[in-house]
Amino acid sequence: MSLDAWRRLGRQIFLISDSSGWWLGDWLIYGQDQFPDRYRRALAETSLDYQTLRNYAWVARQFAPERRRDGLSFQHHAEVAGLPEPDQDIWLSRAERHGWSRNALRRHLQASRELGRATVEVTNIQVHVVAQRRDHWQRAADKKQQELVAWMVAILDEAAASTLEAAP
């Protein structure tokens, strides 16, 4: 087997492995919904670790298929699954944009939490815009399945991070 063939095979195995987390999670959610009386018995018959299966289902439940990022692994999603949905989207967008590994995403999340513990000040900002612009923004937020304010904050955070990284 050539080096290129070996690498391609490794990528395919990774894709199958990563997808199996979603498949198992979705399968478990379906089983809970459709067969609640037989669900636990079916789990026992799989011989898979119960806690691991519960984790797969929990992550899958946090991310409907349309919110899952193809360019990021199941583990990326698992890292942010405990956050509020707007924060999940912000962090996954950052990971995509910067090509972060799961471990890099984890480090950035931890650094952010530490910074958040140090400063808890909240500021209100008021913006005056014409109705047409607000409607335009609302359509964009709806398309991302986010509340308008959460969408605005995510966009501003992305713009700030991009600007700060590009600055000399």
N, C-alpha and C. Protein backbone atom coordinates (compact mmCIF):
# COMPACT_ATOMS: atom_id res chain seq x y z
N MET A 1 0.86 -1.17 0.00
CA MET A 1 0.00 0.00 0.00
C MET A 1 0.91 1.23 0.00
N SER A 2 0.59 2.19 -0.84
CA SER A 2 1.39 3.41 -0.91
C SER A 2 1.06 4.33 0.27
N LEU A 3 1.92 5.31 0.50
CA LEU A 3 1.69 6.28 1.57
C LEU A 3 0.39 7.05 1.33
N ASP A 4 0.15 7.47 0.09
CA ASP A 4 -1.08 8.21 -0.21
C ASP A 4 -2.32 7.36 0.04
N ALA A 5 -2.28 6.10 -0.36
CA ALA A 5 -3.42 5.21 -0.13
C ALA A 5 -3.64 5.00 1.36
N TRP A 6 -2.55 4.85 2.09
CA TRP A 6 -2.65 4.67 3.54
C TRP A 6 -3.27 5.90 4.19
N ARG A 7 -2.86 7.11 3.75
CA ARG A 7 -3.43 8.35 4.29
C ARG A 7 -4.91 8.47 3.96
N ARG A 8 -5.28 8.15 2.72
CA ARG A 8 -6.70 8.21 2.33
C ARG A 8 -7.54 7.27 3.20
N LEU A 9 -7.01 6.08 3.40
CA LEU A 9 -7.70 5.11 4.24
C LEU A 9 -7.88 5.64 5.65
N GLY A 10 -6.84 6.27 6.19
CA GLY A 10 -6.93 6.85 7.53
C GLY A 10 -7.99 7.94 7.61
N ARG A 11 -8.06 8.79 6.58
CA ARG A 11 -9.10 9.84 6.56
C ARG A 11 -10.50 9.23 6.52
N GLN A 12 -10.65 8.17 5.72
CA GLN A 12 -11.96 7.51 5.63
C GLN A 12 -12.34 6.87 6.96
N ILE A 13 -11.39 6.24 7.60
CA ILE A 13 -11.66 5.63 8.91
C ILE A 13 -12.05 6.70 9.92
N PHE A 14 -11.34 7.85 9.91
CA PHE A 14 -11.68 8.94 10.82
C PHE A 14 -13.11 9.42 10.56
N LEU A 15 -13.47 9.61 9.29
CA LEU A 15 -14.82 10.09 8.98
C LEU A 15 -15.88 9.12 9.47
N ILE A 16 -15.64 7.84 9.29
CA ILE A 16 -16.60 6.83 9.76
C ILE A 16 -16.67 6.86 11.28
N SER A 17 -15.52 6.92 11.92
CA SER A 17 -15.48 6.95 13.39
C SER A 17 -16.19 8.18 13.93
N ASP A 18 -15.90 9.34 13.34
CA ASP A 18 -16.52 10.59 13.81
C ASP A 18 -18.03 10.57 13.57
N SER A 19 -18.44 10.07 12.42
CA SER A 19 -19.87 10.02 12.10
C SER A 19 -20.61 9.06 13.01
N SER A 20 -19.93 8.03 13.48
CA SER A 20 -20.62 7.04 14.32
C SER A 20 -21.13 7.66 15.62
N GLY A 21 -20.46 8.69 16.14
CA GLY A 21 -20.97 9.38 17.33
C GLY A 21 -22.33 10.00 17.06
N TRP A 22 -22.45 10.66 15.91
CA TRP A 22 -23.75 11.25 15.54
C TRP A 22 -24.78 10.15 15.30
N TRP A 23 -24.39 9.10 14.56
CA TRP A 23 -25.33 8.03 14.25
C TRP A 23 -25.86 7.37 15.51
N LEU A 24 -24.95 7.06 16.43
CA LEU A 24 -25.38 6.43 17.68
C LEU A 24 -26.27 7.37 18.49
N GLY A 25 -25.87 8.64 18.58
CA GLY A 25 -26.69 9.60 19.32
C GLY A 25 -28.08 9.73 18.74
N ASP A 26 -28.17 9.85 17.42
CA ASP A 26 -29.49 9.97 16.78
C ASP A 26 -30.30 8.70 16.95
N TRP A 27 -29.63 7.54 16.85
CA TRP A 27 -30.31 6.26 17.03
C TRP A 27 -30.89 6.17 18.44
N LEU A 28 -30.12 6.59 19.43
CA LEU A 28 -30.59 6.54 20.82
C LEU A 28 -31.77 7.48 21.05
N ILE A 29 -31.69 8.68 20.50
CA ILE A 29 -32.80 9.63 20.65
C ILE A 29 -34.06 9.06 20.03
N TYR A 30 -33.94 8.49 18.85
CA TYR A 30 -35.09 7.88 18.19
C TYR A 30 -35.66 6.75 19.05
N GLY A 31 -34.78 5.92 19.58
CA GLY A 31 -35.23 4.81 20.42
C GLY A 31 -35.94 5.29 21.68
N GLN A 32 -35.42 6.35 22.30
CA GLN A 32 -36.07 6.89 23.49
C GLN A 32 -37.47 7.40 23.15
N ASP A 33 -37.59 8.06 22.01
CA ASP A 33 -38.88 8.64 21.62
C ASP A 33 -39.88 7.58 21.16
N GLN A 34 -39.43 6.62 20.39
CA GLN A 34 -40.34 5.67 19.76
C GLN A 34 -40.59 4.40 20.57
N PHE A 35 -39.61 3.98 21.36
CA PHE A 35 -39.71 2.72 22.08
C PHE A 35 -39.28 2.89 23.54
N PRO A 36 -39.91 3.79 24.29
CA PRO A 36 -39.43 4.06 25.65
C PRO A 36 -39.41 2.83 26.55
N ASP A 37 -40.33 1.89 26.34
CA ASP A 37 -40.39 0.71 27.20
C ASP A 37 -39.31 -0.32 26.85
N ARG A 38 -38.76 -0.27 25.66
CA ARG A 38 -37.76 -1.26 25.25
C ARG A 38 -36.36 -0.66 25.12
N TYR A 39 -36.26 0.62 25.32
CA TYR A 39 -35.02 1.35 25.08
C TYR A 39 -33.85 0.82 25.91
N ARG A 40 -34.03 0.70 27.22
CA ARG A 40 -32.92 0.26 28.09
C ARG A 40 -32.49 -1.17 27.75
N ARG A 41 -33.43 -2.01 27.44
CA ARG A 41 -33.08 -3.39 27.10
C ARG A 41 -32.27 -3.45 25.81
N ALA A 42 -32.67 -2.64 24.85
CA ALA A 42 -31.93 -2.59 23.59
C ALA A 42 -30.51 -2.08 23.82
N LEU A 43 -30.37 -1.10 24.70
CA LEU A 43 -29.03 -0.59 25.02
C LEU A 43 -28.17 -1.69 25.63
N ALA A 44 -28.75 -2.45 26.54
CA ALA A 44 -28.00 -3.52 27.19
C ALA A 44 -27.53 -4.55 26.16
N GLU A 45 -28.33 -4.76 25.13
CA GLU A 45 -27.99 -5.75 24.12
C GLU A 45 -26.88 -5.28 23.18
N THR A 46 -26.58 -4.00 23.16
CA THR A 46 -25.52 -3.50 22.27
C THR A 46 -24.14 -3.79 22.82
N SER A 47 -24.03 -4.03 24.09
CA SER A 47 -22.76 -4.24 24.81
C SER A 47 -21.85 -3.01 24.76
N LEU A 48 -22.43 -1.86 24.45
CA LEU A 48 -21.67 -0.61 24.50
C LEU A 48 -21.85 0.03 25.87
N ASP A 49 -20.88 0.79 26.31
CA ASP A 49 -20.92 1.44 27.61
C ASP A 49 -22.10 2.39 27.70
N TYR A 50 -22.92 2.22 28.72
CA TYR A 50 -24.14 3.02 28.87
C TYR A 50 -23.84 4.51 28.97
N GLN A 51 -22.84 4.89 29.75
CA GLN A 51 -22.53 6.32 29.92
C GLN A 51 -22.04 6.93 28.61
N THR A 52 -21.25 6.19 27.87
CA THR A 52 -20.78 6.69 26.57
C THR A 52 -21.96 6.91 25.63
N LEU A 53 -22.88 5.96 25.61
CA LEU A 53 -24.07 6.10 24.76
C LEU A 53 -24.91 7.29 25.19
N ARG A 54 -25.05 7.48 26.49
CA ARG A 54 -25.81 8.65 26.97
C ARG A 54 -25.15 9.94 26.54
N ASN A 55 -23.81 9.98 26.56
CA ASN A 55 -23.09 11.17 26.11
C ASN A 55 -23.33 11.43 24.63
N TYR A 56 -23.29 10.37 23.82
CA TYR A 56 -23.58 10.54 22.39
C TYR A 56 -24.97 11.13 22.19
N ALA A 57 -25.94 10.59 22.90
CA ALA A 57 -27.32 11.08 22.76
C ALA A 57 -27.43 12.52 23.24
N TRP A 58 -26.76 12.84 24.33
CA TRP A 58 -26.84 14.21 24.86
C TRP A 58 -26.28 15.21 23.86
N VAL A 59 -25.12 14.91 23.27
CA VAL A 59 -24.53 15.82 22.29
C VAL A 59 -25.43 15.92 21.06
N ALA A 60 -25.92 14.79 20.58
CA ALA A 60 -26.79 14.80 19.40
C ALA A 60 -28.06 15.61 19.67
N ARG A 61 -28.56 15.54 20.89
CA ARG A 61 -29.77 16.29 21.24
C ARG A 61 -29.50 17.80 21.26
N GLN A 62 -28.28 18.20 21.60
CA GLN A 62 -27.93 19.62 21.64
C GLN A 62 -27.78 20.22 20.24
N PHE A 63 -27.53 19.35 19.25
CA PHE A 63 -27.27 19.83 17.89
C PHE A 63 -28.16 19.08 16.90
N ALA A 64 -29.25 19.71 16.52
CA ALA A 64 -30.08 19.14 15.46
C ALA A 64 -29.21 19.01 14.21
N PRO A 65 -29.51 18.07 13.33
CA PRO A 65 -28.65 17.85 12.16
C PRO A 65 -28.31 19.12 11.38
N GLU A 66 -29.24 20.04 11.26
CA GLU A 66 -28.96 21.25 10.48
C GLU A 66 -28.00 22.21 11.19
N ARG A 67 -27.75 22.01 12.48
CA ARG A 67 -26.81 22.86 13.22
C ARG A 67 -25.41 22.25 13.30
N ARG A 68 -25.26 21.04 12.86
CA ARG A 68 -23.97 20.36 12.94
C ARG A 68 -23.03 20.89 11.86
N ARG A 69 -21.80 21.10 12.24
CA ARG A 69 -20.81 21.65 11.32
C ARG A 69 -20.03 20.52 10.68
N ASP A 70 -20.17 20.38 9.37
CA ASP A 70 -19.48 19.30 8.66
C ASP A 70 -17.97 19.37 8.79
N GLY A 71 -17.44 20.57 8.90
CA GLY A 71 -16.00 20.74 8.97
C GLY A 71 -15.41 20.50 10.34
N LEU A 72 -16.26 20.21 11.32
CA LEU A 72 -15.79 19.98 12.69
C LEU A 72 -16.22 18.60 13.15
N SER A 73 -15.45 18.03 14.05
CA SER A 73 -15.73 16.68 14.54
C SER A 73 -16.85 16.67 15.57
N PHE A 74 -17.34 15.46 15.82
CA PHE A 74 -18.31 15.25 16.89
C PHE A 74 -17.73 15.78 18.20
N GLN A 75 -16.44 15.56 18.41
CA GLN A 75 -15.80 15.99 19.66
C GLN A 75 -15.76 17.51 19.79
N HIS A 76 -15.60 18.24 18.68
CA HIS A 76 -15.70 19.70 18.74
C HIS A 76 -17.08 20.08 19.30
N HIS A 77 -18.11 19.44 18.76
CA HIS A 77 -19.47 19.74 19.21
C HIS A 77 -19.66 19.37 20.68
N ALA A 78 -19.07 18.25 21.08
CA ALA A 78 -19.18 17.82 22.48
C ALA A 78 -18.56 18.84 23.42
N GLU A 79 -17.48 19.48 22.99
CA GLU A 79 -16.80 20.48 23.83
C GLU A 79 -17.72 21.65 24.18
N VAL A 80 -18.60 22.03 23.26
CA VAL A 80 -19.43 23.22 23.47
C VAL A 80 -20.89 22.88 23.78
N ALA A 81 -21.22 21.59 23.84
CA ALA A 81 -22.62 21.18 24.00
C ALA A 81 -23.27 21.72 25.26
N GLY A 82 -22.51 21.95 26.30
CA GLY A 82 -23.07 22.45 27.56
C GLY A 82 -23.30 23.95 27.59
N LEU A 83 -22.90 24.65 26.55
CA LEU A 83 -23.07 26.10 26.50
C LEU A 83 -24.45 26.47 25.96
N PRO A 84 -24.90 27.69 26.22
CA PRO A 84 -26.13 28.16 25.56
C PRO A 84 -25.94 28.13 24.04
N GLU A 85 -27.02 27.92 23.32
CA GLU A 85 -26.94 27.75 21.87
C GLU A 85 -26.18 28.88 21.16
N PRO A 86 -26.44 30.14 21.49
CA PRO A 86 -25.68 31.20 20.79
C PRO A 86 -24.17 31.09 21.02
N ASP A 87 -23.78 30.70 22.23
CA ASP A 87 -22.35 30.53 22.53
C ASP A 87 -21.78 29.32 21.79
N GLN A 88 -22.58 28.27 21.67
CA GLN A 88 -22.14 27.11 20.88
C GLN A 88 -21.78 27.56 19.47
N ASP A 89 -22.68 28.33 18.87
CA ASP A 89 -22.46 28.78 17.49
C ASP A 89 -21.23 29.68 17.38
N ILE A 90 -21.05 30.55 18.35
CA ILE A 90 -19.89 31.44 18.33
C ILE A 90 -18.60 30.62 18.36
N TRP A 91 -18.51 29.68 19.30
CA TRP A 91 -17.28 28.91 19.45
C TRP A 91 -17.04 27.96 18.29
N LEU A 92 -18.09 27.36 17.76
CA LEU A 92 -17.91 26.48 16.61
C LEU A 92 -17.47 27.29 15.38
N SER A 93 -18.02 28.48 15.23
CA SER A 93 -17.59 29.35 14.11
C SER A 93 -16.12 29.70 14.24
N ARG A 94 -15.70 30.01 15.45
CA ARG A 94 -14.28 30.33 15.67
C ARG A 94 -13.40 29.13 15.35
N ALA A 95 -13.82 27.97 15.80
CA ALA A 95 -13.02 26.76 15.54
C ALA A 95 -12.92 26.49 14.05
N GLU A 96 -14.02 26.68 13.33
CA GLU A 96 -14.00 26.49 11.88
C GLU A 96 -13.07 27.50 11.21
N ARG A 97 -13.26 28.75 11.56
CA ARG A 97 -12.51 29.83 10.92
C ARG A 97 -11.00 29.70 11.14
N HIS A 98 -10.62 29.28 12.34
CA HIS A 98 -9.20 29.23 12.68
C HIS A 98 -8.60 27.83 12.54
N GLY A 99 -9.42 26.86 12.17
CA GLY A 99 -8.91 25.51 11.99
C GLY A 99 -8.43 24.86 13.28
N TRP A 100 -9.12 25.18 14.40
CA TRP A 100 -8.71 24.66 15.69
C TRP A 100 -8.99 23.17 15.80
N SER A 101 -8.08 22.45 16.40
CA SER A 101 -8.34 21.06 16.79
C SER A 101 -9.32 21.08 17.97
N ARG A 102 -9.79 19.91 18.33
CA ARG A 102 -10.67 19.82 19.50
C ARG A 102 -9.94 20.31 20.75
N ASN A 103 -8.66 19.96 20.87
CA ASN A 103 -7.89 20.39 22.03
C ASN A 103 -7.67 21.89 22.05
N ALA A 104 -7.44 22.48 20.88
CA ALA A 104 -7.28 23.94 20.81
C ALA A 104 -8.58 24.63 21.20
N LEU A 105 -9.70 24.11 20.73
CA LEU A 105 -11.00 24.67 21.11
C LEU A 105 -11.17 24.59 22.63
N ARG A 106 -10.82 23.47 23.21
CA ARG A 106 -10.92 23.30 24.66
C ARG A 106 -10.06 24.33 25.40
N ARG A 107 -8.83 24.54 24.92
CA ARG A 107 -7.95 25.53 25.56
C ARG A 107 -8.54 26.93 25.47
N HIS A 108 -9.08 27.30 24.32
CA HIS A 108 -9.68 28.63 24.16
C HIS A 108 -10.91 28.79 25.05
N LEU A 109 -11.70 27.74 25.16
CA LEU A 109 -12.86 27.78 26.05
C LEU A 109 -12.43 27.97 27.50
N GLN A 110 -11.42 27.23 27.93
CA GLN A 110 -10.93 27.36 29.31
C GLN A 110 -10.39 28.75 29.57
N ALA A 111 -9.65 29.29 28.62
CA ALA A 111 -9.11 30.64 28.79
C ALA A 111 -10.24 31.66 28.88
N SER A 112 -11.26 31.47 28.09
CA SER A 112 -12.40 32.38 28.12
C SER A 112 -13.14 32.29 29.46
N ARG A 113 -13.28 31.09 29.98
CA ARG A 113 -13.95 30.92 31.28
C ARG A 113 -13.16 31.60 32.39
N GLU A 114 -11.84 31.45 32.34
CA GLU A 114 -11.00 32.09 33.35
C GLU A 114 -11.11 33.60 33.27
N LEU A 115 -11.12 34.13 32.07
CA LEU A 115 -11.28 35.56 31.87
C LEU A 115 -12.66 36.00 32.35
N GLY A 116 -13.67 35.19 32.06
CA GLY A 116 -15.04 35.50 32.47
C GLY A 116 -15.21 35.54 33.97
N ARG A 117 -14.47 34.70 34.69
CA ARG A 117 -14.55 34.72 36.15
C ARG A 117 -13.94 35.99 36.71
N ALA A 118 -12.94 36.51 36.00
CA ALA A 118 -12.26 37.71 36.48
C ALA A 118 -13.09 38.96 36.25
N THR A 119 -13.84 39.00 35.17
CA THR A 119 -14.63 40.19 34.84
C THR A 119 -16.06 39.78 34.52
N VAL A 120 -17.01 40.35 35.23
CA VAL A 120 -18.40 39.99 35.05
C VAL A 120 -19.25 41.22 34.68
N GLU A 121 -18.62 42.30 34.32
CA GLU A 121 -19.33 43.53 34.02
C GLU A 121 -20.16 43.37 32.74
N VAL A 122 -21.40 43.82 32.79
CA VAL A 122 -22.29 43.77 31.63
C VAL A 122 -22.63 45.19 31.23
N THR A 123 -22.62 45.44 29.93
CA THR A 123 -22.93 46.76 29.41
C THR A 123 -24.07 46.65 28.41
N ASN A 124 -25.00 47.57 28.48
CA ASN A 124 -26.08 47.63 27.50
C ASN A 124 -25.70 48.61 26.40
N ILE A 125 -25.94 48.21 25.16
CA ILE A 125 -25.67 49.07 24.01
C ILE A 125 -26.97 49.22 23.24
N GLN A 126 -27.28 50.43 22.88
CA GLN A 126 -28.49 50.70 22.11
C GLN A 126 -28.09 51.12 20.70
N VAL A 127 -28.74 50.55 19.70
CA VAL A 127 -28.42 50.84 18.31
C VAL A 127 -29.69 51.32 17.62
N HIS A 128 -29.58 52.44 16.91
CA HIS A 128 -30.71 52.97 16.15
C HIS A 128 -30.47 52.68 14.68
N VAL A 129 -31.36 51.89 14.07
CA VAL A 129 -31.24 51.55 12.66
C VAL A 129 -32.61 51.66 12.00
N VAL A 130 -32.60 51.81 10.70
CA VAL A 130 -33.86 51.86 9.96
C VAL A 130 -34.48 50.47 9.97
N ALA A 131 -35.79 50.41 9.86
CA ALA A 131 -36.52 49.15 9.95
C ALA A 131 -36.06 48.15 8.89
N GLN A 132 -35.74 48.64 7.71
CA GLN A 132 -35.31 47.74 6.63
C GLN A 132 -34.02 46.99 7.01
N ARG A 133 -33.10 47.69 7.63
CA ARG A 133 -31.85 47.06 8.06
C ARG A 133 -32.12 46.04 9.16
N ARG A 134 -32.97 46.40 10.13
CA ARG A 134 -33.30 45.48 11.21
C ARG A 134 -33.94 44.22 10.64
N ASP A 135 -34.87 44.38 9.69
CA ASP A 135 -35.53 43.23 9.06
C ASP A 135 -34.52 42.35 8.33
N HIS A 136 -33.57 42.98 7.68
CA HIS A 136 -32.51 42.26 6.96
C HIS A 136 -31.70 41.41 7.95
N TRP A 137 -31.34 42.02 9.07
CA TRP A 137 -30.59 41.31 10.11
C TRP A 137 -31.43 40.18 10.70
N GLN A 138 -32.71 40.43 10.90
CA GLN A 138 -33.59 39.41 11.47
C GLN A 138 -33.68 38.19 10.56
N ARG A 139 -33.76 38.43 9.25
CA ARG A 139 -33.81 37.31 8.30
C ARG A 139 -32.52 36.48 8.38
N ALA A 140 -31.40 37.17 8.52
CA ALA A 140 -30.12 36.45 8.65
C ALA A 140 -30.08 35.64 9.94
N ALA A 141 -30.55 36.23 11.03
CA ALA A 141 -30.58 35.52 12.32
C ALA A 141 -31.51 34.31 12.24
N ASP A 142 -32.67 34.50 11.60
CA ASP A 142 -33.63 33.40 11.44
C ASP A 142 -33.00 32.25 10.65
N LYS A 143 -32.26 32.61 9.62
CA LYS A 143 -31.61 31.58 8.79
C LYS A 143 -30.62 30.77 9.61
N LYS A 144 -29.97 31.40 10.58
CA LYS A 144 -29.03 30.72 11.47
C LYS A 144 -29.73 30.10 12.69
N GLN A 145 -31.05 30.26 12.74
CA GLN A 145 -31.86 29.74 13.86
C GLN A 145 -31.39 30.32 15.19
N GLN A 146 -31.19 31.64 15.20
CA GLN A 146 -30.76 32.33 16.41
C GLN A 146 -31.67 33.52 16.65
N GLU A 147 -31.74 33.92 17.92
CA GLU A 147 -32.40 35.18 18.26
C GLU A 147 -31.56 36.31 17.67
N LEU A 148 -32.21 37.43 17.35
CA LEU A 148 -31.51 38.54 16.71
C LEU A 148 -30.32 39.02 17.53
N VAL A 149 -30.51 39.25 18.81
CA VAL A 149 -29.41 39.78 19.64
C VAL A 149 -28.25 38.78 19.70
N ALA A 150 -28.56 37.50 19.87
CA ALA A 150 -27.50 36.48 19.91
C ALA A 150 -26.74 36.45 18.58
N TRP A 151 -27.48 36.56 17.48
CA TRP A 151 -26.84 36.58 16.16
C TRP A 151 -25.93 37.80 16.03
N MET A 152 -26.42 38.96 16.47
CA MET A 152 -25.62 40.18 16.38
C MET A 152 -24.33 40.06 17.20
N VAL A 153 -24.45 39.53 18.41
CA VAL A 153 -23.27 39.37 19.27
C VAL A 153 -22.28 38.41 18.62
N ALA A 154 -22.79 37.31 18.04
CA ALA A 154 -21.90 36.34 17.39
C ALA A 154 -21.15 36.99 16.22
N ILE A 155 -21.87 37.75 15.41
CA ILE A 155 -21.24 38.42 14.26
C ILE A 155 -20.20 39.43 14.73
N LEU A 156 -20.55 40.21 15.74
CA LEU A 156 -19.60 41.20 16.26
C LEU A 156 -18.37 40.53 16.88
N ASP A 157 -18.58 39.43 17.61
CA ASP A 157 -17.44 38.70 18.18
C ASP A 157 -16.52 38.17 17.09
N GLU A 158 -17.11 37.62 16.02
CA GLU A 158 -16.31 37.12 14.91
C GLU A 158 -15.52 38.25 14.25
N ALA A 159 -16.19 39.38 14.02
CA ALA A 159 -15.51 40.53 13.39
C ALA A 159 -14.38 41.04 14.27
N ALA A 160 -14.62 41.12 15.57
CA ALA A 160 -13.58 41.60 16.49
C ALA A 160 -12.39 40.65 16.51
N ALA A 161 -12.66 39.35 16.59
CA ALA A 161 -11.56 38.37 16.62
C ALA A 161 -10.75 38.44 15.33
N SER A 162 -11.44 38.54 14.21
CA SER A 162 -10.77 38.62 12.91
C SER A 162 -9.92 39.89 12.81
N THR A 163 -10.47 41.00 13.24
CA THR A 163 -9.74 42.27 13.20
C THR A 163 -8.53 42.24 14.11
N LEU A 164 -8.70 41.72 15.31
CA LEU A 164 -7.60 41.68 16.27
C LEU A 164 -6.48 40.74 15.82
N GLU A 165 -6.85 39.65 15.19
CA GLU A 165 -5.84 38.71 14.71
C GLU A 165 -5.08 39.28 13.52
N ALA A 166 -5.75 40.11 12.71
CA ALA A 166 -5.11 40.70 11.53
C ALA A 166 -4.25 41.91 11.89
N ALA A 167 -4.49 42.48 13.07
CA ALA A 167 -3.76 43.69 13.48
C ALA A 167 -2.29 43.34 13.73
N PRO A 168 -1.39 44.30 13.38
CA PRO A 168 0.05 44.04 13.60
C PRO A 168 0.42 44.02 15.06
